[in-house]
Each structure stands twice: as C-alpha cells, then as structure tokens.
Amino acid sequence: EEQSSLFTLADLVVMPSVSEPFGIIPLESMSNGTPVIVSKQSGVAEVITRALKVDFWDTDEMANNILAVIRNKALSDTLQKEGLAQAKGITWDKAALKMKTLYQTIS
C-alpha cells in the first residue's frame, strides 16, 4: 500500500538499466498510473509498449525524454492512461498461457 502511494506521488519513473532480465518496477509504476521511461536493453522493454524507451548509454536522449514528460502534460497524461491500461492486461496467467501455447506448438 505504501509502495503504491509512492508511485502515485512520482511524476515519472526512470529505469535506465544497462542490463535487466525483466524489471518489475516499470509494471508496478504503470499499474499505479505513473509514466515510465526504460532502457531499450531491459527485458521489460520487450513487453511494454506504453512507455518511452531509450538506449541506456544515450544520456542526452534520456534527459530529453524526462524533460518532455515533465513539461508536456498531454504526453504525461497519455503515458499515464495508456500505461495503466496496458499494465492491467499483463498478468502471470496470460504469460503462463502464452508459454503453454508455445510449448504445445513446438512439441
């Protein structure tokens, strides 16, 4: 509960990981309506489409995206709304079903 309230207080969550197998923080952020910026190299970047993505080494582009979200209310609102909707659709049950289907396809 406390964690959720912290996400809702944040204007933006940035995860500029060099390498991250998945990274649950962006999904937790999105599920609380907080806009997200992730590095393209993170595993979660393959799953989420309603977030801004930047190469971890491109600090200028990362800064530009941070400023864009903070300064542009329409962009922030869109990322909040779309991210929240996407996060609600990402569940462990759906991931398990996808894996089951994949295994059945290749066996």
PDB file of N, CA and C in Angstrom:
ATOM      1  N   GLU A   1       0.835  -1.194   0.000  1.00  0.00           N
ATOM      2  CA  GLU A   1       0.000   0.000   0.000  1.00  0.00           C
ATOM      3  C   GLU A   1       0.883   1.262   0.000  1.00  0.00           C
ATOM      4  N   GLU A   2       1.918   1.251   0.844  1.00  0.00           N
ATOM      5  CA  GLU A   2       2.824   2.400   0.906  1.00  0.00           C
ATOM      6  C   GLU A   2       3.571   2.571  -0.412  1.00  0.00           C
ATOM      7  N   GLN A   3       3.980   1.454  -0.996  1.00  0.00           N
ATOM      8  CA  GLN A   3       4.684   1.500  -2.273  1.00  0.00           C
ATOM      9  C   GLN A   3       3.793   2.107  -3.356  1.00  0.00           C
ATOM     10  N   SER A   4       2.540   1.712  -3.409  1.00  0.00           N
ATOM     11  CA  SER A   4       1.612   2.258  -4.400  1.00  0.00           C
ATOM     12  C   SER A   4       1.448   3.758  -4.236  1.00  0.00           C
ATOM     13  N   SER A   5       1.373   4.212  -2.991  1.00  0.00           N
ATOM     14  CA  SER A   5       1.211   5.655  -2.778  1.00  0.00           C
ATOM     15  C   SER A   5       2.456   6.419  -3.206  1.00  0.00           C
ATOM     16  N   LEU A   6       3.621   5.807  -3.065  1.00  0.00           N
ATOM     17  CA  LEU A   6       4.846   6.473  -3.525  1.00  0.00           C
ATOM     18  C   LEU A   6       4.869   6.599  -5.051  1.00  0.00           C
ATOM     19  N   PHE A   7       4.432   5.553  -5.737  1.00  0.00           N
ATOM     20  CA  PHE A   7       4.374   5.626  -7.199  1.00  0.00           C
ATOM     21  C   PHE A   7       3.416   6.721  -7.653  1.00  0.00           C
ATOM     22  N   THR A   8       2.282   6.846  -6.984  1.00  0.00           N
ATOM     23  CA  THR A   8       1.306   7.851  -7.402  1.00  0.00           C
ATOM     24  C   THR A   8       1.795   9.271  -7.115  1.00  0.00           C
ATOM     25  N   LEU A   9       2.725   9.418  -6.186  1.00  0.00           N
ATOM     26  CA  LEU A   9       3.296  10.741  -5.902  1.00  0.00           C
ATOM     27  C   LEU A   9       4.350  11.149  -6.940  1.00  0.00           C
ATOM     28  N   ALA A  10       4.938  10.166  -7.595  1.00  0.00           N
ATOM     29  CA  ALA A  10       6.012  10.436  -8.558  1.00  0.00           C
ATOM     30  C   ALA A  10       5.440  10.989  -9.867  1.00  0.00           C
ATOM     31  N   ASP A  11       6.167  11.918 -10.472  1.00  0.00           N
ATOM     32  CA  ASP A  11       5.796  12.432 -11.788  1.00  0.00           C
ATOM     33  C   ASP A  11       6.206  11.461 -12.892  1.00  0.00           C
ATOM     34  N   LEU A  12       7.235  10.662 -12.598  1.00  0.00           N
ATOM     35  CA  LEU A  12       7.837   9.810 -13.615  1.00  0.00           C
ATOM     36  C   LEU A  12       8.741   8.792 -12.936  1.00  0.00           C
ATOM     37  N   VAL A  13       8.819   7.596 -13.508  1.00  0.00           N
ATOM     38  CA  VAL A  13       9.777   6.589 -13.056  1.00  0.00           C
ATOM     39  C   VAL A  13      10.699   6.280 -14.226  1.00  0.00           C
ATOM     40  N   VAL A  14      12.003   6.325 -13.960  1.00  0.00           N
ATOM     41  CA  VAL A  14      13.013   6.082 -14.991  1.00  0.00           C
ATOM     42  C   VAL A  14      13.841   4.873 -14.581  1.00  0.00           C
ATOM     43  N   MET A  15      13.964   3.897 -15.485  1.00  0.00           N
ATOM     44  CA  MET A  15      14.791   2.719 -15.246  1.00  0.00           C
ATOM     45  C   MET A  15      15.819   2.614 -16.376  1.00  0.00           C
ATOM     46  N   PRO A  16      16.979   3.281 -16.197  1.00  0.00           N
ATOM     47  CA  PRO A  16      17.995   3.308 -17.256  1.00  0.00           C
ATOM     48  C   PRO A  16      18.992   2.155 -17.151  1.00  0.00           C
ATOM     49  N   SER A  17      18.514   0.945 -16.928  1.00  0.00           N
ATOM     50  CA  SER A  17      19.375  -0.212 -16.697  1.00  0.00           C
ATOM     51  C   SER A  17      20.242  -0.540 -17.898  1.00  0.00           C
ATOM     52  N   VAL A  18      21.474  -0.914 -17.600  1.00  0.00           N
ATOM     53  CA  VAL A  18      22.386  -1.390 -18.642  1.00  0.00           C
ATOM     54  C   VAL A  18      21.899  -2.762 -19.110  1.00  0.00           C
ATOM     55  N   SER A  19      21.529  -3.585 -18.155  1.00  0.00           N
ATOM     56  CA  SER A  19      21.011  -4.915 -18.454  1.00  0.00           C
ATOM     57  C   SER A  19      20.083  -5.323 -17.319  1.00  0.00           C
ATOM     58  N   GLU A  20      18.894  -5.699 -17.656  1.00  0.00           N
ATOM     59  CA  GLU A  20      17.893  -6.077 -16.653  1.00  0.00           C
ATOM     60  C   GLU A  20      17.106  -7.241 -17.238  1.00  0.00           C
ATOM     61  N   PRO A  21      17.145  -8.417 -16.605  1.00  0.00           N
ATOM     62  CA  PRO A  21      16.430  -9.557 -17.168  1.00  0.00           C
ATOM     63  C   PRO A  21      14.946  -9.263 -17.404  1.00  0.00           C
ATOM     64  N   PHE A  22      14.315  -8.599 -16.473  1.00  0.00           N
ATOM     65  CA  PHE A  22      12.931  -8.187 -16.698  1.00  0.00           C
ATOM     66  C   PHE A  22      12.695  -6.824 -16.073  1.00  0.00           C
ATOM     67  N   GLY A  23      12.609  -6.719 -14.806  1.00  0.00           N
ATOM     68  CA  GLY A  23      12.379  -5.430 -14.160  1.00  0.00           C
ATOM     69  C   GLY A  23      10.908  -5.194 -13.901  1.00  0.00           C
ATOM     70  N   ILE A  24      10.460  -5.480 -12.715  1.00  0.00           N
ATOM     71  CA  ILE A  24       9.041  -5.368 -12.370  1.00  0.00           C
ATOM     72  C   ILE A  24       8.654  -3.922 -12.037  1.00  0.00           C
ATOM     73  N   ILE A  25       9.621  -3.097 -11.683  1.00  0.00           N
ATOM     74  CA  ILE A  25       9.327  -1.720 -11.271  1.00  0.00           C
ATOM     75  C   ILE A  25       8.547  -0.937 -12.324  1.00  0.00           C
ATOM     76  N   PRO A  26       8.903  -1.014 -13.597  1.00  0.00           N
ATOM     77  CA  PRO A  26       8.097  -0.289 -14.583  1.00  0.00           C
ATOM     78  C   PRO A  26       6.629  -0.733 -14.612  1.00  0.00           C
ATOM     79  N   LEU A  27       6.383  -2.033 -14.464  1.00  0.00           N
ATOM     80  CA  LEU A  27       4.996  -2.510 -14.443  1.00  0.00           C
ATOM     81  C   LEU A  27       4.264  -2.028 -13.196  1.00  0.00           C
ATOM     82  N   GLU A  28       4.951  -2.042 -12.062  1.00  0.00           N
ATOM     83  CA  GLU A  28       4.331  -1.522 -10.839  1.00  0.00           C
ATOM     84  C   GLU A  28       4.020  -0.038 -10.988  1.00  0.00           C
ATOM     85  N   SER A  29       4.926   0.681 -11.615  1.00  0.00           N
ATOM     86  CA  SER A  29       4.716   2.113 -11.840  1.00  0.00           C
ATOM     87  C   SER A  29       3.507   2.353 -12.733  1.00  0.00           C
ATOM     88  N   MET A  30       3.475   1.639 -13.848  1.00  0.00           N
ATOM     89  CA  MET A  30       2.372   1.801 -14.794  1.00  0.00           C
ATOM     90  C   MET A  30       1.043   1.424 -14.158  1.00  0.00           C
ATOM     91  N   SER A  31       1.048   0.386 -13.320  1.00  0.00           N
ATOM     92  CA  SER A  31      -0.206  -0.043 -12.700  1.00  0.00           C
ATOM     93  C   SER A  31      -0.707   0.961 -11.666  1.00  0.00           C
ATOM     94  N   ASN A  32       0.141   1.915 -11.305  1.00  0.00           N
ATOM     95  CA  ASN A  32      -0.261   2.991 -10.397  1.00  0.00           C
ATOM     96  C   ASN A  32      -0.444   4.314 -11.135  1.00  0.00           C
ATOM     97  N   GLY A  33      -0.426   4.262 -12.471  1.00  0.00           N
ATOM     98  CA  GLY A  33      -0.657   5.459 -13.266  1.00  0.00           C
ATOM     99  C   GLY A  33       0.527   6.401 -13.363  1.00  0.00           C
ATOM    100  N   THR A  34       1.733   5.875 -13.165  1.00  0.00           N
ATOM    101  CA  THR A  34       2.932   6.701 -13.244  1.00  0.00           C
ATOM    102  C   THR A  34       3.623   6.464 -14.582  1.00  0.00           C
ATOM    103  N   PRO A  35       3.916   7.526 -15.347  1.00  0.00           N
ATOM    104  CA  PRO A  35       4.616   7.371 -16.622  1.00  0.00           C
ATOM    105  C   PRO A  35       5.996   6.733 -16.421  1.00  0.00           C
ATOM    106  N   VAL A  36       6.459   6.023 -17.442  1.00  0.00           N
ATOM    107  CA  VAL A  36       7.692   5.250 -17.336  1.00  0.00           C
ATOM    108  C   VAL A  36       8.603   5.505 -18.528  1.00  0.00           C
ATOM    109  N   ILE A  37       9.901   5.579 -18.227  1.00  0.00           N
ATOM    110  CA  ILE A  37      10.954   5.567 -19.246  1.00  0.00           C
ATOM    111  C   ILE A  37      11.884   4.413 -18.890  1.00  0.00           C
ATOM    112  N   VAL A  38      12.129   3.519 -19.845  1.00  0.00           N
ATOM    113  CA  VAL A  38      13.019   2.382 -19.611  1.00  0.00           C
ATOM    114  C   VAL A  38      14.105   2.349 -20.683  1.00  0.00           C
ATOM    115  N   SER A  39      15.193   1.649 -20.371  1.00  0.00           N
ATOM    116  CA  SER A  39      16.219   1.462 -21.393  1.00  0.00           C
ATOM    117  C   SER A  39      15.753   0.363 -22.351  1.00  0.00           C
ATOM    118  N   LYS A  40      16.113   0.520 -23.603  1.00  0.00           N
ATOM    119  CA  LYS A  40      15.756  -0.468 -24.618  1.00  0.00           C
ATOM    120  C   LYS A  40      16.400  -1.820 -24.317  1.00  0.00           C
ATOM    121  N   GLN A  41      17.472  -1.819 -23.510  1.00  0.00           N
ATOM    122  CA  GLN A  41      18.196  -3.035 -23.212  1.00  0.00           C
ATOM    123  C   GLN A  41      17.555  -3.864 -22.105  1.00  0.00           C
ATOM    124  N   SER A  42      16.555  -3.342 -21.436  1.00  0.00           N
ATOM    125  CA  SER A  42      15.905  -4.082 -20.354  1.00  0.00           C
ATOM    126  C   SER A  42      14.923  -5.095 -20.920  1.00  0.00           C
ATOM    127  N   GLY A  43      14.736  -6.178 -20.193  1.00  0.00           N
ATOM    128  CA  GLY A  43      13.803  -7.209 -20.636  1.00  0.00           C
ATOM    129  C   GLY A  43      12.374  -6.719 -20.712  1.00  0.00           C
ATOM    130  N   VAL A  44      12.004  -5.834 -19.790  1.00  0.00           N
ATOM    131  CA  VAL A  44      10.635  -5.322 -19.756  1.00  0.00           C
ATOM    132  C   VAL A  44      10.317  -4.494 -21.007  1.00  0.00           C
ATOM    133  N   ALA A  45      11.343  -3.962 -21.664  1.00  0.00           N
ATOM    134  CA  ALA A  45      11.129  -3.169 -22.882  1.00  0.00           C
ATOM    135  C   ALA A  45      10.490  -4.009 -23.990  1.00  0.00           C
ATOM    136  N   GLU A  46      10.681  -5.336 -23.907  1.00  0.00           N
ATOM    137  CA  GLU A  46      10.075  -6.225 -24.896  1.00  0.00           C
ATOM    138  C   GLU A  46       8.590  -6.446 -24.641  1.00  0.00           C
ATOM    139  N   VAL A  47       8.147  -6.175 -23.413  1.00  0.00           N
ATOM    140  CA  VAL A  47       6.775  -6.461 -23.019  1.00  0.00           C
ATOM    141  C   VAL A  47       5.892  -5.227 -23.060  1.00  0.00           C
ATOM    142  N   ILE A  48       6.416  -4.094 -22.615  1.00  0.00           N
ATOM    143  CA  ILE A  48       5.590  -2.893 -22.545  1.00  0.00           C
ATOM    144  C   ILE A  48       5.737  -2.051 -23.806  1.00  0.00           C
ATOM    145  N   THR A  49       4.633  -1.493 -24.239  1.00  0.00           N
ATOM    146  CA  THR A  49       4.639  -0.634 -25.421  1.00  0.00           C
ATOM    147  C   THR A  49       4.173   0.779 -25.085  1.00  0.00           C
ATOM    148  N   ARG A  50       3.641   0.966 -23.893  1.00  0.00           N
ATOM    149  CA  ARG A  50       3.101   2.264 -23.488  1.00  0.00           C
ATOM    150  C   ARG A  50       4.049   3.000 -22.542  1.00  0.00           C
ATOM    151  N   ALA A  51       5.321   3.001 -22.916  1.00  0.00           N
ATOM    152  CA  ALA A  51       6.364   3.691 -22.159  1.00  0.00           C
ATOM    153  C   ALA A  51       7.369   4.237 -23.165  1.00  0.00           C
ATOM    154  N   LEU A  52       8.137   5.206 -22.744  1.00  0.00           N
ATOM    155  CA  LEU A  52       9.210   5.711 -23.598  1.00  0.00           C
ATOM    156  C   LEU A  52      10.430   4.827 -23.404  1.00  0.00           C
ATOM    157  N   LYS A  53      11.147   4.558 -24.505  1.00  0.00           N
ATOM    158  CA  LYS A  53      12.311   3.674 -24.458  1.00  0.00           C
ATOM    159  C   LYS A  53      13.515   4.375 -25.073  1.00  0.00           C
ATOM    160  N   VAL A  54      14.645   4.274 -24.375  1.00  0.00           N
ATOM    161  CA  VAL A  54      15.868   4.950 -24.797  1.00  0.00           C
ATOM    162  C   VAL A  54      17.046   4.014 -24.565  1.00  0.00           C
ATOM    163  N   ASP A  55      18.052   4.073 -25.431  1.00  0.00           N
ATOM    164  CA  ASP A  55      19.286   3.324 -25.176  1.00  0.00           C
ATOM    165  C   ASP A  55      19.905   3.820 -23.877  1.00  0.00           C
ATOM    166  N   PHE A  56      20.350   2.898 -23.017  1.00  0.00           N
ATOM    167  CA  PHE A  56      20.864   3.285 -21.700  1.00  0.00           C
ATOM    168  C   PHE A  56      22.048   4.236 -21.791  1.00  0.00           C
ATOM    169  N   TRP A  57      22.829   4.144 -22.850  1.00  0.00           N
ATOM    170  CA  TRP A  57      24.027   4.973 -22.979  1.00  0.00           C
ATOM    171  C   TRP A  57      23.732   6.366 -23.540  1.00  0.00           C
ATOM    172  N   ASP A  58      22.546   6.579 -24.057  1.00  0.00           N
ATOM    173  CA  ASP A  58      22.202   7.869 -24.669  1.00  0.00           C
ATOM    174  C   ASP A  58      21.615   8.813 -23.607  1.00  0.00           C
ATOM    175  N   THR A  59      22.505   9.374 -22.806  1.00  0.00           N
ATOM    176  CA  THR A  59      22.068  10.211 -21.679  1.00  0.00           C
ATOM    177  C   THR A  59      21.381  11.491 -22.143  1.00  0.00           C
ATOM    178  N   ASP A  60      21.773  12.013 -23.290  1.00  0.00           N
ATOM    179  CA  ASP A  60      21.110  13.217 -23.810  1.00  0.00           C
ATOM    180  C   ASP A  60      19.653  12.924 -24.159  1.00  0.00           C
ATOM    181  N   GLU A  61      19.415  11.799 -24.831  1.00  0.00           N
ATOM    182  CA  GLU A  61      18.045  11.424 -25.188  1.00  0.00           C
ATOM    183  C   GLU A  61      17.230  11.084 -23.943  1.00  0.00           C
ATOM    184  N   MET A  62      17.879  10.460 -22.967  1.00  0.00           N
ATOM    185  CA  MET A  62      17.192  10.153 -21.709  1.00  0.00           C
ATOM    186  C   MET A  62      16.741  11.453 -21.043  1.00  0.00           C
ATOM    187  N   ALA A  63      17.644  12.431 -20.978  1.00  0.00           N
ATOM    188  CA  ALA A  63      17.303  13.727 -20.370  1.00  0.00           C
ATOM    189  C   ALA A  63      16.191  14.418 -21.156  1.00  0.00           C
ATOM    190  N   ASN A  64      16.259  14.350 -22.495  1.00  0.00           N
ATOM    191  CA  ASN A  64      15.216  14.961 -23.329  1.00  0.00           C
ATOM    192  C   ASN A  64      13.851  14.328 -23.055  1.00  0.00           C
ATOM    193  N   ASN A  65      13.819  13.015 -22.900  1.00  0.00           N
ATOM    194  CA  ASN A  65      12.556  12.327 -22.616  1.00  0.00           C
ATOM    195  C   ASN A  65      12.027  12.673 -21.232  1.00  0.00           C
ATOM    196  N   ILE A  66      12.913  12.756 -20.257  1.00  0.00           N
ATOM    197  CA  ILE A  66      12.494  13.133 -18.902  1.00  0.00           C
ATOM    198  C   ILE A  66      11.856  14.518 -18.928  1.00  0.00           C
ATOM    199  N   LEU A  67      12.534  15.467 -19.564  1.00  0.00           N
ATOM    200  CA  LEU A  67      12.012  16.833 -19.642  1.00  0.00           C
ATOM    201  C   LEU A  67      10.699  16.882 -20.428  1.00  0.00           C
ATOM    202  N   ALA A  68      10.606  16.086 -21.484  1.00  0.00           N
ATOM    203  CA  ALA A  68       9.382  16.071 -22.290  1.00  0.00           C
ATOM    204  C   ALA A  68       8.185  15.633 -21.455  1.00  0.00           C
ATOM    205  N   VAL A  69       8.352  14.590 -20.662  1.00  0.00           N
ATOM    206  CA  VAL A  69       7.245  14.095 -19.838  1.00  0.00           C
ATOM    207  C   VAL A  69       6.878  15.111 -18.769  1.00  0.00           C
ATOM    208  N   ILE A  70       7.888  15.708 -18.155  1.00  0.00           N
ATOM    209  CA  ILE A  70       7.627  16.675 -17.085  1.00  0.00           C
ATOM    210  C   ILE A  70       6.991  17.955 -17.616  1.00  0.00           C
ATOM    211  N   ARG A  71       7.421  18.393 -18.776  1.00  0.00           N
ATOM    212  CA  ARG A  71       6.943  19.674 -19.323  1.00  0.00           C
ATOM    213  C   ARG A  71       5.668  19.561 -20.152  1.00  0.00           C
ATOM    214  N   ASN A  72       5.396  18.378 -20.695  1.00  0.00           N
ATOM    215  CA  ASN A  72       4.271  18.207 -21.609  1.00  0.00           C
ATOM    216  C   ASN A  72       3.162  17.414 -20.913  1.00  0.00           C
ATOM    217  N   LYS A  73       2.172  18.114 -20.402  1.00  0.00           N
ATOM    218  CA  LYS A  73       1.075  17.488 -19.659  1.00  0.00           C
ATOM    219  C   LYS A  73       0.330  16.471 -20.510  1.00  0.00           C
ATOM    220  N   ALA A  74       0.140  16.770 -21.784  1.00  0.00           N
ATOM    221  CA  ALA A  74      -0.579  15.839 -22.660  1.00  0.00           C
ATOM    222  C   ALA A  74       0.196  14.524 -22.807  1.00  0.00           C
ATOM    223  N   LEU A  75       1.502  14.600 -22.956  1.00  0.00           N
ATOM    224  CA  LEU A  75       2.332  13.395 -23.060  1.00  0.00           C
ATOM    225  C   LEU A  75       2.267  12.607 -21.755  1.00  0.00           C
ATOM    226  N   SER A  76       2.425  13.302 -20.644  1.00  0.00           N
ATOM    227  CA  SER A  76       2.356  12.651 -19.330  1.00  0.00           C
ATOM    228  C   SER A  76       1.007  11.970 -19.127  1.00  0.00           C
ATOM    229  N   ASP A  77      -0.065  12.668 -19.442  1.00  0.00           N
ATOM    230  CA  ASP A  77      -1.415  12.110 -19.281  1.00  0.00           C
ATOM    231  C   ASP A  77      -1.614  10.874 -20.159  1.00  0.00           C
ATOM    232  N   THR A  78      -1.125  10.935 -21.383  1.00  0.00           N
ATOM    233  CA  THR A  78      -1.250   9.799 -22.297  1.00  0.00           C
ATOM    234  C   THR A  78      -0.472   8.592 -21.776  1.00  0.00           C
ATOM    235  N   LEU A  79       0.760   8.819 -21.334  1.00  0.00           N
ATOM    236  CA  LEU A  79       1.555   7.716 -20.785  1.00  0.00           C
ATOM    237  C   LEU A  79       0.902   7.132 -19.536  1.00  0.00           C
ATOM    238  N   GLN A  80       0.318   7.986 -18.707  1.00  0.00           N
ATOM    239  CA  GLN A  80      -0.376   7.504 -17.509  1.00  0.00           C
ATOM    240  C   GLN A  80      -1.559   6.620 -17.889  1.00  0.00           C
ATOM    241  N   LYS A  81      -2.414   7.134 -18.751  1.00  0.00           N
ATOM    242  CA  LYS A  81      -3.647   6.433 -19.136  1.00  0.00           C
ATOM    243  C   LYS A  81      -3.345   5.133 -19.884  1.00  0.00           C
ATOM    244  N   GLU A  82      -2.493   5.225 -20.897  1.00  0.00           N
ATOM    245  CA  GLU A  82      -2.179   4.054 -21.714  1.00  0.00           C
ATOM    246  C   GLU A  82      -1.361   3.025 -20.930  1.00  0.00           C
ATOM    247  N   GLY A  83      -0.432   3.509 -20.102  1.00  0.00           N
ATOM    248  CA  GLY A  83       0.372   2.603 -19.284  1.00  0.00           C
ATOM    249  C   GLY A  83      -0.470   1.843 -18.284  1.00  0.00           C
ATOM    250  N   LEU A  84      -1.391   2.537 -17.654  1.00  0.00           N
ATOM    251  CA  LEU A  84      -2.300   1.904 -16.690  1.00  0.00           C
ATOM    252  C   LEU A  84      -3.127   0.817 -17.362  1.00  0.00           C
ATOM    253  N   ALA A  85      -3.662   1.127 -18.527  1.00  0.00           N
ATOM    254  CA  ALA A  85      -4.468   0.148 -19.263  1.00  0.00           C
ATOM    255  C   ALA A  85      -3.626  -1.065 -19.659  1.00  0.00           C
ATOM    256  N   GLN A  86      -2.414  -0.829 -20.129  1.00  0.00           N
ATOM    257  CA  GLN A  86      -1.563  -1.946 -20.528  1.00  0.00           C
ATOM    258  C   GLN A  86      -1.163  -2.797 -19.320  1.00  0.00           C
ATOM    259  N   ALA A  87      -0.790  -2.153 -18.224  1.00  0.00           N
ATOM    260  CA  ALA A  87      -0.364  -2.890 -17.034  1.00  0.00           C
ATOM    261  C   ALA A  87      -1.468  -3.794 -16.513  1.00  0.00           C
ATOM    262  N   LYS A  88      -2.704  -3.339 -16.595  1.00  0.00           N
ATOM    263  CA  LYS A  88      -3.830  -4.163 -16.136  1.00  0.00           C
ATOM    264  C   LYS A  88      -3.986  -5.422 -16.985  1.00  0.00           C
ATOM    265  N   GLY A  89      -3.533  -5.370 -18.225  1.00  0.00           N
ATOM    266  CA  GLY A  89      -3.655  -6.518 -19.120  1.00  0.00           C
ATOM    267  C   GLY A  89      -2.497  -7.491 -19.051  1.00  0.00           C
ATOM    268  N   ILE A  90      -1.464  -7.152 -18.293  1.00  0.00           N
ATOM    269  CA  ILE A  90      -0.304  -8.033 -18.168  1.00  0.00           C
ATOM    270  C   ILE A  90      -0.436  -8.807 -16.861  1.00  0.00           C
ATOM    271  N   THR A  91      -0.660 -10.122 -16.996  1.00  0.00           N
ATOM    272  CA  THR A  91      -0.839 -10.957 -15.806  1.00  0.00           C
ATOM    273  C   THR A  91       0.025 -12.214 -15.926  1.00  0.00           C
ATOM    274  N   TRP A  92       0.280 -12.831 -14.778  1.00  0.00           N
ATOM    275  CA  TRP A  92       1.043 -14.086 -14.779  1.00  0.00           C
ATOM    276  C   TRP A  92       0.242 -15.184 -15.486  1.00  0.00           C
ATOM    277  N   ASP A  93      -1.070 -15.163 -15.355  1.00  0.00           N
ATOM    278  CA  ASP A  93      -1.894 -16.174 -16.023  1.00  0.00           C
ATOM    279  C   ASP A  93      -1.752 -16.078 -17.538  1.00  0.00           C
ATOM    280  N   LYS A  94      -1.757 -14.853 -18.061  1.00  0.00           N
ATOM    281  CA  LYS A  94      -1.599 -14.676 -19.508  1.00  0.00           C
ATOM    282  C   LYS A  94      -0.214 -15.107 -19.971  1.00  0.00           C
ATOM    283  N   ALA A  95       0.808 -14.803 -19.175  1.00  0.00           N
ATOM    284  CA  ALA A  95       2.176 -15.216 -19.513  1.00  0.00           C
ATOM    285  C   ALA A  95       2.295 -16.736 -19.521  1.00  0.00           C
ATOM    286  N   ALA A  96       1.673 -17.386 -18.530  1.00  0.00           N
ATOM    287  CA  ALA A  96       1.709 -18.845 -18.456  1.00  0.00           C
ATOM    288  C   ALA A  96       0.986 -19.473 -19.650  1.00  0.00           C
ATOM    289  N   LEU A  97      -0.153 -18.914 -20.019  1.00  0.00           N
ATOM    290  CA  LEU A  97      -0.908 -19.425 -21.161  1.00  0.00           C
ATOM    291  C   LEU A  97      -0.098 -19.278 -22.451  1.00  0.00           C
ATOM    292  N   LYS A  98       0.591 -18.169 -22.582  1.00  0.00           N
ATOM    293  CA  LYS A  98       1.424 -17.933 -23.760  1.00  0.00           C
ATOM    294  C   LYS A  98       2.551 -18.974 -23.843  1.00  0.00           C
ATOM    295  N   MET A  99       3.185 -19.261 -22.705  1.00  0.00           N
ATOM    296  CA  MET A  99       4.250 -20.270 -22.671  1.00  0.00           C
ATOM    297  C   MET A  99       3.684 -21.660 -22.976  1.00  0.00           C
ATOM    298  N   LYS A 100       2.542 -21.978 -22.413  1.00  0.00           N
ATOM    299  CA  LYS A 100       1.910 -23.277 -22.654  1.00  0.00           C
ATOM    300  C   LYS A 100       1.616 -23.464 -24.135  1.00  0.00           C
ATOM    301  N   THR A 101       1.067 -22.417 -24.744  1.00  0.00           N
ATOM    302  CA  THR A 101       0.758 -22.459 -26.173  1.00  0.00           C
ATOM    303  C   THR A 101       2.027 -22.638 -26.998  1.00  0.00           C
ATOM    304  N   LEU A 102       3.079 -21.937 -26.622  1.00  0.00           N
ATOM    305  CA  LEU A 102       4.356 -22.066 -27.326  1.00  0.00           C
ATOM    306  C   LEU A 102       4.891 -23.487 -27.229  1.00  0.00           C
ATOM    307  N   TYR A 103       4.881 -24.052 -26.024  1.00  0.00           N
ATOM    308  CA  TYR A 103       5.361 -25.421 -25.846  1.00  0.00           C
ATOM    309  C   TYR A 103       4.533 -26.415 -26.647  1.00  0.00           C
ATOM    310  N   GLN A 104       3.221 -26.225 -26.698  1.00  0.00           N
ATOM    311  CA  GLN A 104       2.363 -27.126 -27.456  1.00  0.00           C
ATOM    312  C   GLN A 104       2.636 -27.000 -28.956  1.00  0.00           C
ATOM    313  N   THR A 105       2.991 -25.810 -29.393  1.00  0.00           N
ATOM    314  CA  THR A 105       3.282 -25.574 -30.816  1.00  0.00           C
ATOM    315  C   THR A 105       4.554 -26.278 -31.242  1.00  0.00           C
ATOM    316  N   ILE A 106       5.570 -26.292 -30.387  1.00  0.00           N
ATOM    317  CA  ILE A 106       6.864 -26.861 -30.792  1.00  0.00           C
ATOM    318  C   ILE A 106       7.018 -28.330 -30.415  1.00  0.00           C
ATOM    319  N   SER A 107       6.067 -28.887 -29.688  1.00  0.00           N
ATOM    320  CA  SER A 107       6.215 -30.311 -29.314  1.00  0.00           C
ATOM    321  C   SER A 107       5.475 -31.213 -30.256  1.00  0.00           C
TER     322      SER A 107
END
